[in-house]
Amino acid sequence: MSKTLSASPVHVNLGDRSYDVLVGSGLIEGAGSLVAPIAGKRPLVILSDETVAPLYLGTLTRSLEAAGARVLDPIVVPAGEATKSFHHLEAVLEILLSRGIERGAMLVALGGGVIGDLGGFAAAIALRGLDFIQVPTTLLSQVDSSVGGKTGINSRQGKNLIGAFHQPRLVLADIGALDSLPRREVLAGYAEVVKYGLIDRPDFFTWLEGNGPALVAGDAALRTAAVKESVAAKAAIVAQDEREGGVRALLNLGHTFGHALEAEMGYGGELLHGEAVGIGMVMAFDLSVRLGLCPPDDLARMRRHLAAVGLPTGAAYLSKGRWTVDALMAHMAKDKKVKDGGITFILARGIGQAFTARGIDPEPVRAVVAAALAHETQGNRLKGVMRTV
């Protein structure tokens, strides 16, 4: 319990929708005392997946019940990006409603980004809105998807095209849960950590250059520091622009390109979201260099750091000779950030100097996509890693 009480809060300031993100170890085991003041006597339903539930569902349930909470039978869905679908959303909603829940019930999302997105969206629309709590168990979900209120599912037309803004009441980021992750999952989350340094925190990027390898390897103190800084970075942006009308778009650095890669791969396990974002960030900096906006040395520096920790910096290992520039350009044209028919890009004038750009000439974009598909060295190295995890 002492670990729980020593958890560091990061406040997300959104007026009457404000909440805390608690970062520390032992938070799942101590969740009852943290959730009880919010939940009171309301019934709780835990949503998890088939990978996370065997690890943490029992511990979380016992903690909540020990604190006096009424925990209904959990909902457990298959793991993986394919679960962010109409089919599984409907199943979750039907189970919730079959329990006879009222609007006072609360959903607890225990898992990675897929569970947080699916559970948050289900909470947003069930009975026109249920409160929910995020208990993210992956590095990616702790530093990104559990914070900021974006929820949703995928469509055949693209990623995260169906959803709602629905803020959680509390986020419990248990650093200890990261110990159960395969290295590849840690790396996928680390790409989102690097993103914050590239957007507007150059000193954080420098810190990551010195500490990233040890962080990825499992240093708990470094992981705690990185998650806190990442959450604080996102909270600051979300507090300015909750619904992405302006500055929040910067959080999409690497995502326009990355989502196109994911769509072409069919959202399967061959390419994780964080891996796609890492490649996408390289592509965004490459485009910035080609447009004369960013020093080439900054592109080389960020590419070097991603490669040093083991992230892919090119997509050739995925293409198997079947991808085309036209296919990826078509995916980008369907991205939810398209406005007035034009693709929105997050570009950079250097590390820590990201900005939003529209009206970009498509020819340099095509050149960037072609270069990413031709980039072999790091991709081939990652392919070997993926066979062993």
Protein backbone atom coordinates (compact mmCIF):
# COMPACT_ATOMS: atom_id res chain seq x y z
CA MET A 1 0.00 0.00 0.00
CA SER A 2 2.91 2.35 0.65
CA LYS A 3 3.82 2.18 -3.01
CA THR A 4 0.33 3.22 -3.93
CA LEU A 5 0.37 6.22 -1.57
CA SER A 6 3.69 7.39 -3.02
CA ALA A 7 2.32 7.50 -6.57
CA SER A 8 2.90 10.80 -8.34
CA PRO A 9 -0.19 12.56 -9.72
CA VAL A 10 -0.26 14.49 -12.99
CA HIS A 11 -3.35 16.67 -13.21
CA VAL A 12 -5.27 17.01 -16.48
CA ASN A 13 -6.94 20.40 -16.13
CA LEU A 14 -10.26 20.41 -17.99
CA GLY A 15 -12.57 22.26 -15.63
CA ASP A 16 -15.37 20.01 -14.43
CA ARG A 17 -13.91 17.16 -16.51
CA SER A 18 -10.50 17.35 -14.80
CA TYR A 19 -8.84 14.23 -13.42
CA ASP A 20 -5.54 12.88 -12.16
CA VAL A 21 -3.16 10.43 -13.76
CA LEU A 22 -1.38 8.54 -10.99
CA VAL A 23 2.03 7.14 -11.94
CA GLY A 24 3.81 4.62 -9.71
CA SER A 25 4.20 0.98 -8.78
CA GLY A 26 1.62 -1.16 -6.98
CA LEU A 27 -1.36 0.81 -8.25
CA ILE A 28 -3.33 -2.22 -9.43
CA GLU A 29 -2.89 -3.91 -6.07
CA GLY A 30 -3.85 -0.69 -4.27
CA ALA A 31 -6.58 0.38 -6.69
CA GLY A 32 -9.39 -0.06 -4.18
CA SER A 33 -8.37 2.84 -1.95
CA LEU A 34 -7.84 5.07 -5.00
CA VAL A 35 -11.08 4.21 -6.79
CA ALA A 36 -13.37 4.09 -3.74
CA PRO A 37 -13.62 7.88 -3.28
CA ILE A 38 -14.81 8.20 -6.89
CA ALA A 39 -16.95 5.11 -7.22
CA GLY A 40 -18.67 5.13 -3.85
CA LYS A 41 -21.36 2.43 -3.87
CA ARG A 42 -21.76 2.41 -7.64
CA PRO A 43 -21.41 -0.98 -9.38
CA LEU A 44 -18.19 -1.46 -11.34
CA VAL A 45 -17.68 -3.51 -14.50
CA ILE A 46 -14.12 -4.35 -15.50
CA LEU A 47 -13.35 -4.69 -19.21
CA SER A 48 -10.14 -6.51 -20.10
CA ASP A 49 -8.70 -8.82 -22.74
CA GLU A 50 -7.57 -12.43 -22.87
CA THR A 51 -3.91 -11.49 -22.43
CA VAL A 52 -4.19 -9.03 -19.55
CA ALA A 53 -7.04 -10.62 -17.58
CA PRO A 54 -5.07 -13.67 -16.39
CA LEU A 55 -2.32 -11.36 -15.13
CA TYR A 56 -4.16 -8.57 -13.34
CA LEU A 57 -7.94 -9.05 -13.28
CA GLY A 58 -7.97 -11.05 -10.05
CA THR A 59 -5.66 -8.60 -8.26
CA LEU A 60 -7.70 -5.60 -9.36
CA THR A 61 -11.03 -7.22 -8.44
CA ARG A 62 -9.83 -8.23 -4.97
CA SER A 63 -8.50 -4.74 -4.28
CA LEU A 64 -11.75 -3.08 -5.34
CA GLU A 65 -13.90 -5.50 -3.34
CA ALA A 66 -11.70 -5.12 -0.25
CA ALA A 67 -12.43 -1.39 -0.41
CA GLY A 68 -16.16 -2.08 -0.40
CA ALA A 69 -16.86 -1.78 -4.13
CA ARG A 70 -19.55 -3.89 -5.81
CA VAL A 71 -17.79 -5.48 -8.76
CA LEU A 72 -20.00 -7.16 -11.34
CA ASP A 73 -18.83 -10.01 -13.55
CA PRO A 74 -16.02 -8.83 -15.85
CA ILE A 75 -16.13 -8.60 -19.63
CA VAL A 76 -13.14 -10.21 -21.36
CA VAL A 77 -12.59 -9.77 -25.09
CA PRO A 78 -9.92 -11.08 -27.48
CA ALA A 79 -6.61 -9.24 -27.49
CA GLY A 80 -5.41 -7.28 -30.51
CA GLU A 81 -6.26 -4.34 -32.73
CA ALA A 82 -9.01 -6.29 -34.49
CA THR A 83 -11.06 -6.03 -31.29
CA LYS A 84 -11.55 -2.30 -31.94
CA SER A 85 -14.51 -3.12 -34.16
CA PHE A 86 -18.29 -2.71 -34.41
CA HIS A 87 -18.65 -6.40 -33.64
CA HIS A 88 -16.86 -6.26 -30.30
CA LEU A 89 -18.30 -2.87 -29.41
CA GLU A 90 -21.80 -4.29 -29.85
CA ALA A 91 -20.90 -7.33 -27.77
CA VAL A 92 -19.57 -5.19 -24.92
CA LEU A 93 -22.63 -2.95 -24.97
CA GLU A 94 -25.06 -5.85 -25.02
CA ILE A 95 -23.35 -7.47 -22.04
CA LEU A 96 -23.37 -4.18 -20.13
CA LEU A 97 -27.05 -3.59 -20.81
CA SER A 98 -28.00 -7.19 -20.05
CA ARG A 99 -26.69 -6.64 -16.52
CA GLY A 100 -29.44 -4.10 -15.95
CA ILE A 101 -26.94 -1.35 -15.18
CA GLU A 102 -28.03 2.22 -14.56
CA ARG A 103 -26.25 5.43 -15.50
CA GLY A 104 -24.51 5.42 -12.12
CA ALA A 105 -22.49 2.34 -13.05
CA MET A 106 -18.81 2.75 -13.85
CA LEU A 107 -16.62 0.93 -16.38
CA VAL A 108 -12.99 0.12 -15.57
CA ALA A 109 -10.76 -0.42 -18.63
CA LEU A 110 -7.92 -2.76 -17.67
CA GLY A 111 -5.46 -3.27 -20.53
CA GLY A 112 -3.64 -1.55 -23.33
CA GLY A 113 -4.76 1.03 -25.84
CA VAL A 114 -7.27 -1.25 -27.54
CA ILE A 115 -9.14 -1.85 -24.27
CA GLY A 116 -8.95 1.81 -23.30
CA ASP A 117 -10.28 2.96 -26.67
CA LEU A 118 -13.02 0.33 -26.86
CA GLY A 119 -14.02 0.67 -23.22
CA GLY A 120 -13.99 4.44 -23.31
CA PHE A 121 -16.20 4.52 -26.40
CA ALA A 122 -18.60 1.97 -24.91
CA ALA A 123 -18.79 4.11 -21.77
CA ALA A 124 -19.40 7.22 -23.85
CA ILE A 125 -22.45 5.81 -25.60
CA ALA A 126 -23.98 3.30 -23.16
CA LEU A 127 -27.03 4.94 -21.59
CA ARG A 128 -25.74 8.19 -23.14
CA GLY A 129 -22.68 8.19 -20.96
CA LEU A 130 -21.10 6.21 -18.11
CA ASP A 131 -18.11 7.24 -16.03
CA PHE A 132 -15.01 5.16 -16.59
CA ILE A 133 -11.53 4.66 -15.19
CA GLN A 134 -8.43 3.78 -17.15
CA VAL A 135 -5.95 1.21 -15.82
CA PRO A 136 -3.43 1.10 -18.70
CA THR A 137 -1.03 -1.85 -18.65
CA THR A 138 1.24 -1.05 -21.63
CA LEU A 139 3.78 1.72 -22.00
CA LEU A 140 1.97 3.05 -25.06
CA SER A 141 -1.38 3.28 -23.29
CA GLN A 142 0.17 4.81 -20.17
CA VAL A 143 1.84 7.67 -22.04
CA ASP A 144 -0.72 8.23 -24.78
CA SER A 145 -4.10 6.60 -25.28
CA SER A 146 -5.29 6.58 -21.64
CA VAL A 147 -4.88 10.35 -21.36
CA GLY A 148 -6.93 12.97 -23.18
CA GLY A 149 -10.32 11.38 -23.69
CA LYS A 150 -10.03 10.10 -27.26
CA THR A 151 -12.00 6.86 -27.55
CA GLY A 152 -13.13 4.86 -30.55
CA ILE A 153 -12.96 1.92 -32.90
CA ASN A 154 -11.61 1.26 -36.36
CA SER A 155 -13.52 1.08 -39.63
CA ARG A 156 -12.68 -0.73 -42.85
CA GLN A 157 -12.05 2.78 -44.15
CA GLY A 158 -9.35 3.57 -41.60
CA LYS A 159 -8.12 3.69 -38.02
CA ASN A 160 -10.04 5.45 -35.23
CA LEU A 161 -12.60 6.93 -37.62
CA ILE A 162 -15.53 6.17 -35.28
CA GLY A 163 -15.42 7.47 -31.75
CA ALA A 164 -16.07 10.18 -29.20
CA PHE A 165 -14.26 12.45 -26.76
CA HIS A 166 -15.01 11.04 -23.31
CA GLN A 167 -12.65 11.84 -20.45
CA PRO A 168 -11.93 9.25 -17.75
CA ARG A 169 -12.46 10.02 -14.07
CA LEU A 170 -9.05 8.63 -13.08
CA VAL A 171 -6.04 6.97 -14.70
CA LEU A 172 -3.86 4.49 -12.79
CA ALA A 173 -0.54 3.96 -14.60
CA ASP A 174 1.10 1.08 -12.76
CA ILE A 175 4.76 0.98 -13.79
CA GLY A 176 5.05 -2.56 -12.44
CA ALA A 177 2.66 -3.79 -15.13
CA LEU A 178 5.29 -2.95 -17.75
CA ASP A 179 7.47 -5.79 -16.47
CA SER A 180 5.11 -8.31 -18.07
CA LEU A 181 5.46 -6.80 -21.55
CA PRO A 182 7.55 -8.35 -24.33
CA ARG A 183 10.42 -6.10 -25.39
CA ARG A 184 8.68 -5.39 -28.70
CA GLU A 185 5.64 -3.96 -26.88
CA VAL A 186 7.89 -1.78 -24.71
CA LEU A 187 9.59 -0.45 -27.84
CA ALA A 188 6.23 0.31 -29.43
CA GLY A 189 5.32 2.43 -26.42
CA TYR A 190 8.74 4.04 -26.36
CA ALA A 191 8.12 5.52 -29.81
CA GLU A 192 5.27 7.56 -28.31
CA VAL A 193 7.57 8.66 -25.48
CA VAL A 194 10.10 9.94 -28.02
CA LYS A 195 7.29 11.79 -29.78
CA TYR A 196 6.87 14.22 -26.89
CA GLY A 197 10.52 15.20 -27.06
CA LEU A 198 10.26 15.74 -30.80
CA ILE A 199 7.12 17.89 -30.50
CA ASP A 200 8.18 20.58 -28.04
CA ARG A 201 10.53 19.17 -25.36
CA PRO A 202 14.04 19.01 -26.84
CA ASP A 203 15.62 18.63 -23.39
CA PHE A 204 13.48 15.52 -22.85
CA PHE A 205 14.69 14.10 -26.16
CA THR A 206 18.28 14.67 -25.04
CA TRP A 207 17.49 12.90 -21.77
CA LEU A 208 16.07 9.97 -23.71
CA GLU A 209 19.21 9.74 -25.82
CA GLY A 210 21.14 9.12 -22.61
CA ASN A 211 18.60 6.97 -20.78
CA GLY A 212 16.47 5.31 -23.45
CA PRO A 213 18.32 1.98 -23.66
CA ALA A 214 18.21 1.45 -19.88
CA LEU A 215 14.56 2.53 -19.79
CA VAL A 216 13.66 -0.02 -22.46
CA ALA A 217 15.69 -2.66 -20.63
CA GLY A 218 13.52 -2.28 -17.53
CA ASP A 219 14.85 0.42 -15.18
CA ALA A 220 11.75 1.23 -13.09
CA ALA A 221 12.91 4.68 -11.97
CA LEU A 222 13.62 5.74 -15.55
CA ARG A 223 10.29 4.34 -16.72
CA THR A 224 8.46 6.24 -14.00
CA ALA A 225 10.22 9.48 -14.91
CA ALA A 226 9.53 9.01 -18.63
CA VAL A 227 5.83 8.19 -18.11
CA LYS A 228 5.37 11.21 -15.83
CA GLU A 229 7.06 13.57 -18.30
CA SER A 230 5.10 12.14 -21.23
CA VAL A 231 1.78 12.42 -19.43
CA ALA A 232 2.60 15.97 -18.31
CA ALA A 233 3.45 16.87 -21.92
CA LYS A 234 0.17 15.48 -23.22
CA ALA A 235 -1.86 16.96 -20.34
CA ALA A 236 -0.49 20.43 -21.09
CA ILE A 237 -1.58 20.19 -24.72
CA VAL A 238 -4.97 18.64 -23.97
CA ALA A 239 -5.71 21.35 -21.41
CA GLN A 240 -5.27 23.94 -24.18
CA ASP A 241 -7.25 22.06 -26.83
CA GLU A 242 -9.44 19.22 -25.59
CA ARG A 243 -11.13 18.42 -28.91
CA GLU A 244 -8.24 18.89 -31.32
CA GLY A 245 -9.25 22.19 -32.87
CA GLY A 246 -5.69 23.47 -32.90
CA VAL A 247 -2.54 22.69 -30.94
CA ARG A 248 -3.63 19.14 -29.99
CA ALA A 249 -3.04 18.10 -33.58
CA LEU A 250 0.69 18.18 -32.76
CA LEU A 251 0.17 14.91 -30.86
CA ASN A 252 -0.36 13.30 -34.27
CA LEU A 253 3.32 13.63 -35.19
CA GLY A 254 4.12 10.53 -37.25
CA HIS A 255 0.51 9.35 -37.26
CA THR A 256 -0.60 10.42 -40.73
CA PHE A 257 2.12 8.27 -42.27
CA GLY A 258 1.91 5.63 -39.52
CA HIS A 259 -1.82 5.07 -39.85
CA ALA A 260 -1.39 4.54 -43.59
CA LEU A 261 1.19 1.83 -42.89
CA GLU A 262 -1.13 0.17 -40.36
CA ALA A 263 -4.06 0.27 -42.77
CA GLU A 264 -2.02 -1.37 -45.51
CA MET A 265 -1.00 -4.11 -43.06
CA GLY A 266 -4.63 -4.70 -42.09
CA TYR A 267 -4.03 -3.75 -38.43
CA GLY A 268 -2.44 -7.12 -37.77
CA GLY A 269 0.40 -8.12 -35.48
CA GLU A 270 3.08 -7.71 -38.12
CA LEU A 271 3.17 -3.96 -37.40
CA LEU A 272 2.35 -2.51 -33.99
CA HIS A 273 0.96 1.01 -33.66
CA GLY A 274 4.07 2.35 -31.96
CA GLU A 275 6.32 0.83 -34.63
CA ALA A 276 4.21 2.54 -37.29
CA VAL A 277 4.43 5.85 -35.43
CA GLY A 278 8.20 5.52 -35.18
CA ILE A 279 8.51 5.00 -38.92
CA GLY A 280 5.97 7.80 -39.46
CA MET A 281 8.01 10.24 -37.38
CA VAL A 282 11.07 9.53 -39.50
CA MET A 283 8.95 10.17 -42.59
CA ALA A 284 7.61 13.44 -41.13
CA PHE A 285 11.14 14.68 -40.43
CA ASP A 286 12.27 13.49 -43.86
CA LEU A 287 9.47 15.51 -45.46
CA SER A 288 10.45 18.51 -43.34
CA VAL A 289 14.04 18.23 -44.58
CA ARG A 290 12.96 17.89 -48.20
CA LEU A 291 10.86 21.05 -47.84
CA GLY A 292 13.85 22.94 -46.46
CA LEU A 293 12.27 23.35 -43.02
CA CYS A 294 14.42 21.11 -40.85
CA PRO A 295 18.22 20.61 -40.61
CA PRO A 296 19.26 17.22 -42.03
CA ASP A 297 21.30 16.64 -38.88
CA ASP A 298 18.13 16.57 -36.77
CA LEU A 299 16.62 13.89 -39.01
CA ALA A 300 19.82 11.86 -38.71
CA ARG A 301 19.86 12.33 -34.94
CA MET A 302 16.30 11.15 -34.35
CA ARG A 303 16.69 8.26 -36.80
CA ARG A 304 19.90 7.25 -35.02
CA HIS A 305 18.19 7.23 -31.62
CA LEU A 306 15.22 5.15 -32.77
CA ALA A 307 17.58 2.64 -34.36
CA ALA A 308 19.79 2.54 -31.26
CA VAL A 309 16.95 1.31 -29.04
CA GLY A 310 15.70 -1.16 -31.65
CA LEU A 311 12.80 0.59 -33.39
CA PRO A 312 12.31 0.39 -37.17
CA THR A 313 13.08 3.51 -39.17
CA GLY A 314 11.87 2.26 -42.55
CA ALA A 315 9.09 0.08 -43.92
CA ALA A 316 10.75 -2.05 -46.57
CA TYR A 317 10.66 -5.18 -44.40
CA LEU A 318 6.85 -4.91 -44.40
CA SER A 319 6.25 -4.39 -48.10
CA LYS A 320 7.21 -7.81 -49.45
CA GLY A 321 7.31 -6.11 -52.85
CA ARG A 322 3.54 -5.61 -52.94
CA TRP A 323 3.18 -2.08 -51.61
CA THR A 324 2.96 0.96 -53.82
CA VAL A 325 3.28 4.66 -53.17
CA ASP A 326 -0.21 5.14 -54.58
CA ALA A 327 -1.70 2.70 -52.06
CA LEU A 328 -0.23 4.53 -49.08
CA MET A 329 -1.18 7.93 -50.48
CA ALA A 330 -4.76 6.66 -50.82
CA HIS A 331 -4.79 5.59 -47.16
CA MET A 332 -3.54 9.02 -46.08
CA ALA A 333 -6.32 10.68 -48.08
CA LYS A 334 -8.84 8.86 -45.84
CA ASP A 335 -7.17 9.90 -42.59
CA LYS A 336 -9.48 11.59 -40.08
CA LYS A 337 -7.17 14.63 -40.08
CA VAL A 338 -8.01 15.43 -43.72
CA LYS A 339 -9.64 18.88 -43.92
CA ASP A 340 -11.22 20.46 -47.00
CA GLY A 341 -9.81 17.59 -49.05
CA GLY A 342 -6.23 18.32 -47.96
CA ILE A 343 -4.01 16.08 -45.82
CA THR A 344 -2.80 17.61 -42.57
CA PHE A 345 0.83 16.91 -41.73
CA ILE A 346 2.74 17.52 -38.53
CA LEU A 347 6.17 18.73 -39.64
CA ALA A 348 9.19 20.03 -37.74
CA ARG A 349 11.71 22.86 -37.94
CA GLY A 350 13.95 20.74 -35.76
CA ILE A 351 13.84 18.50 -32.70
CA GLY A 352 11.30 20.00 -30.31
CA GLN A 353 9.85 22.33 -32.97
CA ALA A 354 6.82 20.58 -34.44
CA PHE A 355 4.03 22.44 -36.21
CA THR A 356 0.89 21.78 -38.25
CA ALA A 357 1.02 22.14 -42.05
CA ARG A 358 -1.55 21.91 -44.81
CA GLY A 359 -1.40 22.41 -48.56
CA ILE A 360 1.80 20.39 -48.97
CA ASP A 361 2.82 19.60 -52.55
CA PRO A 362 2.13 15.86 -53.03
CA GLU A 363 5.34 15.21 -54.95
CA PRO A 364 7.74 15.47 -51.98
CA VAL A 365 5.26 13.42 -49.96
CA ARG A 366 5.39 10.70 -52.59
CA ALA A 367 9.19 10.87 -52.51
CA VAL A 368 9.17 10.38 -48.74
CA VAL A 369 6.87 7.36 -49.01
CA ALA A 370 9.06 5.85 -51.74
CA ALA A 371 12.17 6.37 -49.60
CA ALA A 372 10.55 4.69 -46.58
CA LEU A 373 9.55 1.68 -48.66
CA ALA A 374 13.09 1.40 -49.99
CA HIS A 375 14.78 1.70 -46.60
CA GLU A 376 16.11 -1.80 -45.89
CA THR A 377 18.79 -1.89 -43.20
CA GLN A 378 16.88 -1.24 -39.99
CA GLY A 379 13.78 -3.01 -41.23
CA ASN A 380 15.65 -6.20 -41.88
CA ARG A 381 17.20 -6.01 -38.42
CA LEU A 382 13.78 -5.62 -36.79
CA LYS A 383 12.42 -8.56 -38.78
CA GLY A 384 14.98 -10.76 -37.05
CA VAL A 385 13.94 -9.39 -33.67
CA MET A 386 10.27 -10.02 -34.37
CA ARG A 387 10.93 -13.69 -35.01
CA THR A 388 12.36 -14.08 -31.49
CA VAL A 389 9.83 -12.25 -29.32
